[in-house]
């Protein structure tokens, strides 16, 4: 199982004991507003976050992000499809604004482009989530486009904005 480390973070597989934390922040209305999971989030629903699969295998693989003191602050996922992958990240509100998400995304991009040799990583977000769009641009992603009213989200048609970075852009 792949574990990534940075100066302040450990990105590791989630275990059963971790689940109460993502359930708590996934039920926070400010965190869940632009996310697609069903509400309320429960321990049973979040069992899929636990995976012993290698980071970078085909399909979604989730990882927990913890501070060096062991505090769980968020989770991120990588959905690999051949030479490309989609990135997903969920941030606990109290951990936002400290640069942790940028640090985790950069570690994941280093892994995907250097170790996995992927061609492209993208993220699909609700464009009303301005903070996440800014985070992705800060982490090296570029805006590729917005699909208008392209998915049904919490009782309304919502737009979908795609950000991406290519391997050669990341290396530059």
N, C-alpha and C. Protein backbone atom coordinates (compact mmCIF):
# COMPACT_ATOMS: atom_id res chain seq x y z
N UNK A 1 0.84 -1.18 0.00
CA UNK A 1 0.00 0.00 0.00
C UNK A 1 0.88 1.25 0.00
N UNK A 2 0.54 2.16 -0.86
CA UNK A 2 1.32 3.37 -1.02
C UNK A 2 0.99 4.39 0.07
N UNK A 3 2.03 4.90 0.70
CA UNK A 3 1.91 6.00 1.65
C UNK A 3 2.80 7.12 1.14
N UNK A 4 2.25 8.32 1.07
CA UNK A 4 3.02 9.49 0.65
C UNK A 4 3.25 10.37 1.87
N UNK A 5 4.41 10.99 1.94
CA UNK A 5 4.68 11.89 3.05
C UNK A 5 5.18 13.22 2.52
N UNK A 6 4.86 14.27 3.24
CA UNK A 6 5.36 15.60 2.96
C UNK A 6 5.93 16.14 4.25
N UNK A 7 6.32 17.37 4.24
CA UNK A 7 6.88 17.98 5.44
C UNK A 7 5.90 17.93 6.61
N UNK A 8 4.60 18.16 6.33
CA UNK A 8 3.60 18.25 7.40
C UNK A 8 2.55 17.15 7.39
N UNK A 9 2.50 16.34 6.32
CA UNK A 9 1.38 15.42 6.13
C UNK A 9 1.82 14.00 5.85
N UNK A 10 0.91 13.08 6.17
CA UNK A 10 1.02 11.69 5.74
C UNK A 10 -0.26 11.37 4.99
N UNK A 11 -0.12 10.81 3.80
CA UNK A 11 -1.26 10.41 2.97
C UNK A 11 -1.22 8.89 2.94
N UNK A 12 -2.21 8.28 3.58
CA UNK A 12 -2.15 6.84 3.83
C UNK A 12 -3.52 6.20 3.67
N UNK A 13 -3.55 4.86 3.57
CA UNK A 13 -4.85 4.19 3.51
C UNK A 13 -5.66 4.47 4.78
N UNK A 14 -6.94 4.63 4.61
CA UNK A 14 -7.84 4.79 5.74
C UNK A 14 -8.12 3.43 6.36
N UNK A 15 -8.31 3.42 7.66
CA UNK A 15 -8.67 2.20 8.39
C UNK A 15 -10.00 2.45 9.10
N UNK A 16 -10.59 1.40 9.60
CA UNK A 16 -11.90 1.47 10.26
C UNK A 16 -11.95 2.57 11.33
N UNK A 17 -10.90 2.69 12.11
CA UNK A 17 -10.89 3.68 13.19
C UNK A 17 -10.92 5.12 12.68
N UNK A 18 -10.57 5.33 11.40
CA UNK A 18 -10.58 6.67 10.81
C UNK A 18 -11.97 7.15 10.42
N UNK A 19 -12.90 6.24 10.20
CA UNK A 19 -14.18 6.59 9.59
C UNK A 19 -15.02 7.64 10.30
N UNK A 20 -15.05 7.71 11.63
CA UNK A 20 -15.87 8.77 12.25
C UNK A 20 -15.48 10.18 11.80
N UNK A 21 -14.21 10.42 11.52
CA UNK A 21 -13.78 11.76 11.11
C UNK A 21 -14.35 12.14 9.74
N UNK A 22 -14.17 11.34 8.68
CA UNK A 22 -14.78 11.75 7.41
C UNK A 22 -16.31 11.80 7.46
N UNK A 23 -16.94 10.95 8.26
CA UNK A 23 -18.40 11.02 8.38
C UNK A 23 -18.79 12.37 8.96
N UNK A 24 -18.05 12.85 9.96
CA UNK A 24 -18.34 14.14 10.57
C UNK A 24 -18.20 15.27 9.56
N UNK A 25 -17.06 15.35 8.87
CA UNK A 25 -16.91 16.49 7.96
C UNK A 25 -17.71 16.32 6.69
N UNK A 26 -18.04 15.10 6.28
CA UNK A 26 -18.90 14.93 5.10
C UNK A 26 -20.36 15.32 5.40
N UNK A 27 -20.73 15.40 6.67
CA UNK A 27 -22.06 15.87 7.05
C UNK A 27 -22.09 17.38 7.32
N UNK A 28 -20.96 18.03 7.30
CA UNK A 28 -20.90 19.48 7.48
C UNK A 28 -21.50 20.12 6.22
N UNK A 29 -22.57 20.91 6.36
CA UNK A 29 -23.21 21.50 5.18
C UNK A 29 -22.27 22.31 4.29
N UNK A 30 -21.30 22.99 4.88
CA UNK A 30 -20.36 23.77 4.07
C UNK A 30 -19.41 22.88 3.28
N UNK A 31 -19.05 21.74 3.82
CA UNK A 31 -18.17 20.81 3.12
C UNK A 31 -18.95 20.03 2.06
N UNK A 32 -20.17 19.63 2.38
CA UNK A 32 -20.97 18.77 1.49
C UNK A 32 -21.67 19.52 0.37
N UNK A 33 -21.75 20.83 0.46
CA UNK A 33 -22.55 21.62 -0.47
C UNK A 33 -22.32 21.26 -1.94
N UNK A 34 -21.09 21.09 -2.36
CA UNK A 34 -20.79 20.85 -3.77
C UNK A 34 -20.35 19.41 -4.05
N UNK A 35 -20.54 18.52 -3.09
CA UNK A 35 -20.13 17.13 -3.24
C UNK A 35 -21.32 16.26 -3.60
N UNK A 36 -21.07 15.11 -4.21
CA UNK A 36 -22.14 14.27 -4.70
C UNK A 36 -22.60 13.15 -3.80
N UNK A 37 -22.01 12.98 -2.62
CA UNK A 37 -22.41 11.86 -1.78
C UNK A 37 -23.79 12.10 -1.18
N UNK A 38 -24.51 11.01 -0.86
CA UNK A 38 -25.84 11.15 -0.24
C UNK A 38 -25.72 11.64 1.20
N UNK A 39 -26.70 12.44 1.60
CA UNK A 39 -26.75 12.94 2.97
C UNK A 39 -27.96 12.38 3.67
N UNK A 40 -27.89 12.11 4.95
CA UNK A 40 -26.69 12.24 5.77
C UNK A 40 -25.70 11.11 5.48
N UNK A 41 -24.42 11.42 5.66
CA UNK A 41 -23.36 10.43 5.52
C UNK A 41 -23.34 9.57 6.78
N UNK A 42 -23.17 8.26 6.60
CA UNK A 42 -23.12 7.34 7.74
C UNK A 42 -21.85 6.51 7.69
N UNK A 43 -21.53 5.87 8.81
CA UNK A 43 -20.36 4.98 8.84
C UNK A 43 -20.49 3.88 7.79
N UNK A 44 -21.70 3.33 7.62
CA UNK A 44 -21.90 2.26 6.65
C UNK A 44 -21.65 2.76 5.22
N UNK A 45 -22.13 3.96 4.91
CA UNK A 45 -21.94 4.52 3.57
C UNK A 45 -20.47 4.79 3.27
N UNK A 46 -19.71 5.12 4.27
CA UNK A 46 -18.32 5.52 4.05
C UNK A 46 -17.34 4.35 4.12
N UNK A 47 -17.82 3.13 4.26
CA UNK A 47 -16.95 1.95 4.27
C UNK A 47 -16.11 1.87 2.99
N UNK A 48 -16.63 2.40 1.88
CA UNK A 48 -15.90 2.34 0.61
C UNK A 48 -14.59 3.13 0.65
N UNK A 49 -14.43 4.02 1.63
CA UNK A 49 -13.19 4.78 1.75
C UNK A 49 -12.02 3.91 2.17
N UNK A 50 -12.32 2.78 2.82
CA UNK A 50 -11.27 1.88 3.29
C UNK A 50 -10.86 0.98 2.13
N UNK A 51 -9.58 1.01 1.81
CA UNK A 51 -9.10 0.22 0.68
C UNK A 51 -7.64 -0.17 0.90
N UNK A 52 -7.36 -1.42 0.65
CA UNK A 52 -5.97 -1.87 0.69
C UNK A 52 -5.37 -1.87 -0.72
N UNK A 53 -6.14 -1.39 -1.69
CA UNK A 53 -5.66 -1.34 -3.07
C UNK A 53 -4.52 -0.35 -3.20
N UNK A 54 -3.64 -0.64 -4.12
CA UNK A 54 -2.51 0.26 -4.38
C UNK A 54 -3.01 1.56 -4.98
N UNK A 55 -2.47 2.66 -4.50
CA UNK A 55 -2.78 3.95 -5.08
C UNK A 55 -2.27 3.95 -6.52
N UNK A 56 -3.18 4.23 -7.45
CA UNK A 56 -2.79 4.21 -8.86
C UNK A 56 -3.33 3.02 -9.62
N UNK A 57 -3.98 2.08 -8.92
CA UNK A 57 -4.62 0.99 -9.66
C UNK A 57 -5.83 1.56 -10.38
N UNK A 58 -6.40 0.83 -11.32
CA UNK A 58 -7.58 1.29 -12.05
C UNK A 58 -8.75 1.50 -11.09
N UNK A 59 -9.52 2.56 -11.31
CA UNK A 59 -10.68 2.86 -10.48
C UNK A 59 -10.32 3.75 -9.31
N UNK A 60 -11.35 4.09 -8.52
CA UNK A 60 -11.15 4.99 -7.37
C UNK A 60 -10.41 4.29 -6.24
N UNK A 61 -9.42 4.97 -5.70
CA UNK A 61 -8.72 4.56 -4.48
C UNK A 61 -8.65 5.79 -3.59
N UNK A 62 -9.15 5.66 -2.37
CA UNK A 62 -9.17 6.77 -1.41
C UNK A 62 -7.99 6.66 -0.45
N UNK A 63 -7.55 7.79 0.02
CA UNK A 63 -6.50 7.88 1.03
C UNK A 63 -6.89 8.94 2.05
N UNK A 64 -6.46 8.75 3.27
CA UNK A 64 -6.66 9.74 4.31
C UNK A 64 -5.46 10.65 4.38
N UNK A 65 -5.70 11.88 4.77
CA UNK A 65 -4.62 12.84 4.96
C UNK A 65 -4.57 13.17 6.44
N UNK A 66 -3.41 12.93 7.04
CA UNK A 66 -3.25 13.20 8.46
C UNK A 66 -2.07 14.14 8.68
N UNK A 67 -2.19 14.93 9.73
CA UNK A 67 -1.07 15.75 10.16
C UNK A 67 -0.04 14.84 10.81
N UNK A 68 1.17 15.32 10.98
CA UNK A 68 2.23 14.50 11.58
C UNK A 68 1.87 14.06 13.00
N UNK A 69 0.97 14.81 13.68
CA UNK A 69 0.54 14.41 15.02
C UNK A 69 -0.54 13.33 14.98
N UNK A 70 -0.93 12.89 13.78
CA UNK A 70 -1.91 11.82 13.64
C UNK A 70 -3.34 12.29 13.43
N UNK A 71 -3.60 13.60 13.54
CA UNK A 71 -4.96 14.11 13.35
C UNK A 71 -5.39 13.96 11.89
N UNK A 72 -6.53 13.32 11.69
CA UNK A 72 -7.09 13.15 10.35
C UNK A 72 -7.81 14.43 9.96
N UNK A 73 -7.45 14.98 8.80
CA UNK A 73 -8.03 16.26 8.40
C UNK A 73 -8.81 16.20 7.09
N UNK A 74 -8.68 15.15 6.31
CA UNK A 74 -9.39 15.07 5.04
C UNK A 74 -9.12 13.75 4.37
N UNK A 75 -9.75 13.60 3.20
CA UNK A 75 -9.43 12.45 2.37
C UNK A 75 -9.30 12.91 0.93
N UNK A 76 -8.55 12.13 0.16
CA UNK A 76 -8.45 12.40 -1.25
C UNK A 76 -8.52 11.08 -1.99
N UNK A 77 -8.89 11.16 -3.25
CA UNK A 77 -9.03 9.96 -4.05
C UNK A 77 -8.40 10.15 -5.42
N UNK A 78 -8.02 9.05 -6.00
CA UNK A 78 -7.48 9.03 -7.35
C UNK A 78 -8.24 7.96 -8.13
N UNK A 79 -8.81 8.35 -9.24
CA UNK A 79 -9.57 7.45 -10.10
C UNK A 79 -8.82 7.29 -11.40
N UNK A 80 -8.00 6.24 -11.47
CA UNK A 80 -7.17 6.02 -12.65
C UNK A 80 -7.95 5.29 -13.73
N UNK A 81 -7.78 5.78 -14.94
CA UNK A 81 -8.32 5.15 -16.15
C UNK A 81 -7.22 5.18 -17.19
N UNK A 82 -6.48 4.07 -17.30
CA UNK A 82 -5.36 4.02 -18.25
C UNK A 82 -4.31 5.05 -17.90
N UNK A 83 -3.91 5.89 -18.88
CA UNK A 83 -2.85 6.86 -18.64
C UNK A 83 -3.33 8.18 -18.03
N UNK A 84 -4.60 8.22 -17.62
CA UNK A 84 -5.17 9.43 -17.04
C UNK A 84 -5.82 9.11 -15.70
N UNK A 85 -6.05 10.15 -14.91
CA UNK A 85 -6.71 9.94 -13.62
C UNK A 85 -7.48 11.19 -13.23
N UNK A 86 -8.51 10.97 -12.42
CA UNK A 86 -9.26 12.07 -11.83
C UNK A 86 -8.89 12.17 -10.36
N UNK A 87 -8.75 13.39 -9.90
CA UNK A 87 -8.43 13.67 -8.51
C UNK A 87 -9.69 14.15 -7.81
N UNK A 88 -9.91 13.68 -6.59
CA UNK A 88 -10.98 14.19 -5.76
C UNK A 88 -10.43 14.46 -4.37
N UNK A 89 -10.89 15.54 -3.74
CA UNK A 89 -10.40 15.86 -2.41
C UNK A 89 -11.54 16.46 -1.59
N UNK A 90 -11.59 16.09 -0.32
CA UNK A 90 -12.56 16.62 0.62
C UNK A 90 -11.79 17.19 1.80
N UNK A 91 -12.14 18.40 2.19
CA UNK A 91 -11.40 19.10 3.23
C UNK A 91 -12.26 19.35 4.46
N UNK A 92 -11.79 18.95 5.62
CA UNK A 92 -12.47 19.31 6.86
C UNK A 92 -12.38 20.83 7.02
N UNK A 93 -13.46 21.46 7.43
CA UNK A 93 -13.51 22.93 7.46
C UNK A 93 -12.41 23.53 8.33
N UNK A 94 -12.16 22.93 9.50
CA UNK A 94 -11.16 23.51 10.41
C UNK A 94 -9.73 23.44 9.85
N UNK A 95 -9.51 22.58 8.84
CA UNK A 95 -8.18 22.43 8.27
C UNK A 95 -7.98 23.26 7.00
N UNK A 96 -9.01 23.94 6.57
CA UNK A 96 -8.91 24.75 5.36
C UNK A 96 -8.13 26.03 5.63
N UNK A 97 -7.44 26.51 4.60
CA UNK A 97 -6.73 27.77 4.70
C UNK A 97 -5.33 27.68 5.29
N UNK A 98 -4.81 26.46 5.45
CA UNK A 98 -3.47 26.28 6.03
C UNK A 98 -2.47 25.74 5.01
N UNK A 99 -2.88 25.55 3.77
CA UNK A 99 -1.99 25.02 2.74
C UNK A 99 -1.89 23.51 2.71
N UNK A 100 -2.65 22.81 3.56
CA UNK A 100 -2.56 21.35 3.60
C UNK A 100 -3.03 20.72 2.29
N UNK A 101 -4.10 21.24 1.73
CA UNK A 101 -4.64 20.66 0.50
C UNK A 101 -3.65 20.82 -0.65
N UNK A 102 -3.05 21.98 -0.77
CA UNK A 102 -2.04 22.19 -1.82
C UNK A 102 -0.88 21.21 -1.66
N UNK A 103 -0.45 21.05 -0.43
CA UNK A 103 0.67 20.15 -0.13
C UNK A 103 0.31 18.71 -0.50
N UNK A 104 -0.91 18.28 -0.17
CA UNK A 104 -1.34 16.92 -0.49
C UNK A 104 -1.49 16.72 -1.99
N UNK A 105 -2.09 17.69 -2.66
CA UNK A 105 -2.27 17.57 -4.11
C UNK A 105 -0.93 17.53 -4.83
N UNK A 106 0.00 18.34 -4.42
CA UNK A 106 1.33 18.33 -5.05
C UNK A 106 2.04 17.00 -4.83
N UNK A 107 1.91 16.43 -3.64
CA UNK A 107 2.51 15.12 -3.38
C UNK A 107 1.88 14.06 -4.28
N UNK A 108 0.55 14.13 -4.42
CA UNK A 108 -0.14 13.16 -5.27
C UNK A 108 0.25 13.34 -6.73
N UNK A 109 0.37 14.58 -7.20
CA UNK A 109 0.78 14.81 -8.58
C UNK A 109 2.21 14.34 -8.83
N UNK A 110 3.10 14.58 -7.88
CA UNK A 110 4.47 14.04 -8.02
C UNK A 110 4.43 12.53 -8.19
N UNK A 111 3.62 11.87 -7.38
CA UNK A 111 3.50 10.41 -7.46
C UNK A 111 2.90 9.98 -8.79
N UNK A 112 1.83 10.64 -9.23
CA UNK A 112 1.16 10.20 -10.47
C UNK A 112 2.04 10.42 -11.70
N UNK A 113 2.79 11.51 -11.73
CA UNK A 113 3.59 11.79 -12.92
C UNK A 113 4.97 11.15 -12.87
N UNK A 114 5.59 11.06 -11.70
CA UNK A 114 6.93 10.48 -11.61
C UNK A 114 6.90 8.96 -11.48
N UNK A 115 6.06 8.46 -10.58
CA UNK A 115 6.05 7.02 -10.32
C UNK A 115 5.12 6.25 -11.26
N UNK A 116 3.91 6.78 -11.45
CA UNK A 116 2.94 6.09 -12.31
C UNK A 116 3.09 6.44 -13.77
N UNK A 117 3.80 7.53 -14.07
CA UNK A 117 4.03 7.98 -15.46
C UNK A 117 2.73 8.28 -16.18
N UNK A 118 1.74 8.83 -15.46
CA UNK A 118 0.48 9.17 -16.10
C UNK A 118 0.65 10.36 -17.03
N UNK A 119 -0.25 10.46 -17.99
CA UNK A 119 -0.22 11.54 -19.00
C UNK A 119 -0.95 12.78 -18.51
N UNK A 120 -2.08 12.59 -17.80
CA UNK A 120 -2.95 13.72 -17.44
C UNK A 120 -3.71 13.41 -16.17
N UNK A 121 -3.89 14.43 -15.32
CA UNK A 121 -4.74 14.33 -14.13
C UNK A 121 -5.73 15.48 -14.22
N UNK A 122 -7.00 15.17 -13.95
CA UNK A 122 -8.03 16.21 -14.00
C UNK A 122 -8.89 16.16 -12.74
N UNK A 123 -9.61 17.24 -12.53
CA UNK A 123 -10.57 17.34 -11.44
C UNK A 123 -11.83 17.98 -12.00
N UNK A 124 -12.96 17.47 -11.58
CA UNK A 124 -14.26 17.95 -12.02
C UNK A 124 -14.96 18.56 -10.81
N UNK A 125 -15.30 19.85 -10.89
CA UNK A 125 -15.86 20.53 -9.72
C UNK A 125 -17.07 21.36 -10.10
N UNK A 126 -17.86 21.69 -9.10
CA UNK A 126 -18.95 22.64 -9.27
C UNK A 126 -18.30 24.03 -9.31
N UNK A 127 -18.54 24.82 -10.35
CA UNK A 127 -17.87 26.12 -10.45
C UNK A 127 -18.24 27.10 -9.35
N UNK A 128 -19.30 26.84 -8.60
CA UNK A 128 -19.63 27.71 -7.46
C UNK A 128 -18.65 27.50 -6.31
N UNK A 129 -17.88 26.42 -6.37
CA UNK A 129 -16.89 26.13 -5.34
C UNK A 129 -15.61 26.90 -5.69
N UNK A 130 -15.65 28.21 -5.49
CA UNK A 130 -14.55 29.09 -5.87
C UNK A 130 -13.25 28.73 -5.16
N UNK A 131 -13.34 28.34 -3.90
CA UNK A 131 -12.12 28.02 -3.14
C UNK A 131 -11.39 26.83 -3.76
N UNK A 132 -12.14 25.81 -4.18
CA UNK A 132 -11.50 24.64 -4.78
C UNK A 132 -10.92 24.99 -6.15
N UNK A 133 -11.61 25.80 -6.92
CA UNK A 133 -11.06 26.23 -8.21
C UNK A 133 -9.75 26.97 -8.03
N UNK A 134 -9.70 27.85 -7.05
CA UNK A 134 -8.48 28.59 -6.75
C UNK A 134 -7.37 27.65 -6.28
N UNK A 135 -7.72 26.68 -5.44
CA UNK A 135 -6.75 25.69 -4.96
C UNK A 135 -6.15 24.92 -6.13
N UNK A 136 -7.00 24.46 -7.05
CA UNK A 136 -6.50 23.69 -8.18
C UNK A 136 -5.57 24.53 -9.07
N UNK A 137 -5.94 25.77 -9.33
CA UNK A 137 -5.07 26.64 -10.13
C UNK A 137 -3.74 26.86 -9.41
N UNK A 138 -3.79 27.06 -8.11
CA UNK A 138 -2.58 27.26 -7.31
C UNK A 138 -1.69 26.00 -7.36
N UNK A 139 -2.31 24.84 -7.44
CA UNK A 139 -1.56 23.57 -7.47
C UNK A 139 -1.04 23.23 -8.87
N UNK A 140 -1.33 24.06 -9.87
CA UNK A 140 -0.78 23.83 -11.20
C UNK A 140 -1.78 23.39 -12.26
N UNK A 141 -3.04 23.24 -11.87
CA UNK A 141 -4.06 22.87 -12.85
C UNK A 141 -4.47 24.09 -13.66
N UNK A 142 -4.99 23.86 -14.86
CA UNK A 142 -5.55 24.93 -15.67
C UNK A 142 -7.01 24.61 -15.94
N UNK A 143 -7.80 25.64 -16.14
CA UNK A 143 -9.22 25.49 -16.45
C UNK A 143 -9.35 25.00 -17.89
N UNK A 144 -10.07 23.90 -18.09
CA UNK A 144 -10.26 23.36 -19.44
C UNK A 144 -11.63 23.70 -20.01
N UNK A 145 -12.62 23.87 -19.16
CA UNK A 145 -13.94 24.20 -19.67
C UNK A 145 -15.02 23.95 -18.65
N UNK A 146 -16.21 24.45 -18.97
CA UNK A 146 -17.36 24.27 -18.10
C UNK A 146 -18.52 23.73 -18.91
N UNK A 147 -19.10 22.64 -18.43
CA UNK A 147 -20.28 22.03 -19.04
C UNK A 147 -21.50 22.58 -18.30
N UNK A 148 -22.38 23.26 -19.02
CA UNK A 148 -23.52 23.91 -18.39
C UNK A 148 -24.63 22.92 -18.08
N UNK A 149 -25.13 23.01 -16.85
CA UNK A 149 -26.25 22.20 -16.39
C UNK A 149 -26.12 20.75 -16.87
N UNK A 150 -24.99 20.15 -16.56
CA UNK A 150 -24.67 18.83 -17.10
C UNK A 150 -24.85 17.68 -16.12
N UNK A 151 -25.16 17.98 -14.84
CA UNK A 151 -25.44 16.88 -13.92
C UNK A 151 -26.47 17.32 -12.89
N UNK A 152 -27.24 16.34 -12.43
CA UNK A 152 -28.30 16.56 -11.46
C UNK A 152 -27.69 16.49 -10.07
N UNK A 153 -27.80 17.57 -9.30
CA UNK A 153 -27.15 17.64 -8.00
C UNK A 153 -28.09 18.25 -6.97
N UNK A 154 -28.46 17.45 -5.99
CA UNK A 154 -29.29 17.90 -4.87
C UNK A 154 -30.53 18.69 -5.33
N UNK A 155 -31.22 18.12 -6.32
CA UNK A 155 -32.50 18.68 -6.75
C UNK A 155 -32.44 19.76 -7.82
N UNK A 156 -31.27 19.96 -8.43
CA UNK A 156 -31.19 20.96 -9.49
C UNK A 156 -30.09 20.57 -10.49
N UNK A 157 -30.21 21.11 -11.70
CA UNK A 157 -29.16 20.92 -12.69
C UNK A 157 -28.00 21.84 -12.33
N UNK A 158 -26.80 21.28 -12.33
CA UNK A 158 -25.61 22.05 -11.94
C UNK A 158 -24.57 22.01 -13.06
N UNK A 159 -23.75 23.04 -13.08
CA UNK A 159 -22.63 23.09 -14.04
C UNK A 159 -21.48 22.24 -13.52
N UNK A 160 -20.60 21.87 -14.43
CA UNK A 160 -19.44 21.05 -14.09
C UNK A 160 -18.22 21.66 -14.76
N UNK A 161 -17.23 22.06 -13.96
CA UNK A 161 -16.01 22.67 -14.48
C UNK A 161 -14.86 21.68 -14.35
N UNK A 162 -14.08 21.59 -15.43
CA UNK A 162 -12.96 20.65 -15.46
C UNK A 162 -11.65 21.44 -15.43
N UNK A 163 -10.78 21.01 -14.52
CA UNK A 163 -9.40 21.50 -14.43
C UNK A 163 -8.49 20.32 -14.71
N UNK A 164 -7.33 20.58 -15.32
CA UNK A 164 -6.41 19.48 -15.62
C UNK A 164 -4.98 19.97 -15.67
N UNK A 165 -4.07 19.02 -15.56
CA UNK A 165 -2.65 19.27 -15.74
C UNK A 165 -2.06 18.07 -16.47
N UNK A 166 -1.23 18.35 -17.47
CA UNK A 166 -0.54 17.31 -18.22
C UNK A 166 0.83 17.05 -17.58
N UNK A 167 1.36 15.86 -17.83
CA UNK A 167 2.67 15.52 -17.27
C UNK A 167 3.73 16.55 -17.66
N UNK A 168 3.76 16.96 -18.95
CA UNK A 168 4.79 17.90 -19.37
C UNK A 168 4.60 19.28 -18.74
N UNK A 169 3.35 19.66 -18.44
CA UNK A 169 3.11 20.92 -17.74
C UNK A 169 3.63 20.84 -16.31
N UNK A 170 3.40 19.69 -15.67
CA UNK A 170 3.83 19.51 -14.29
C UNK A 170 5.35 19.56 -14.19
N UNK A 171 6.03 18.91 -15.13
CA UNK A 171 7.49 18.91 -15.12
C UNK A 171 8.07 20.31 -15.30
N UNK A 172 7.35 21.12 -16.10
CA UNK A 172 7.85 22.50 -16.37
C UNK A 172 7.70 23.33 -15.11
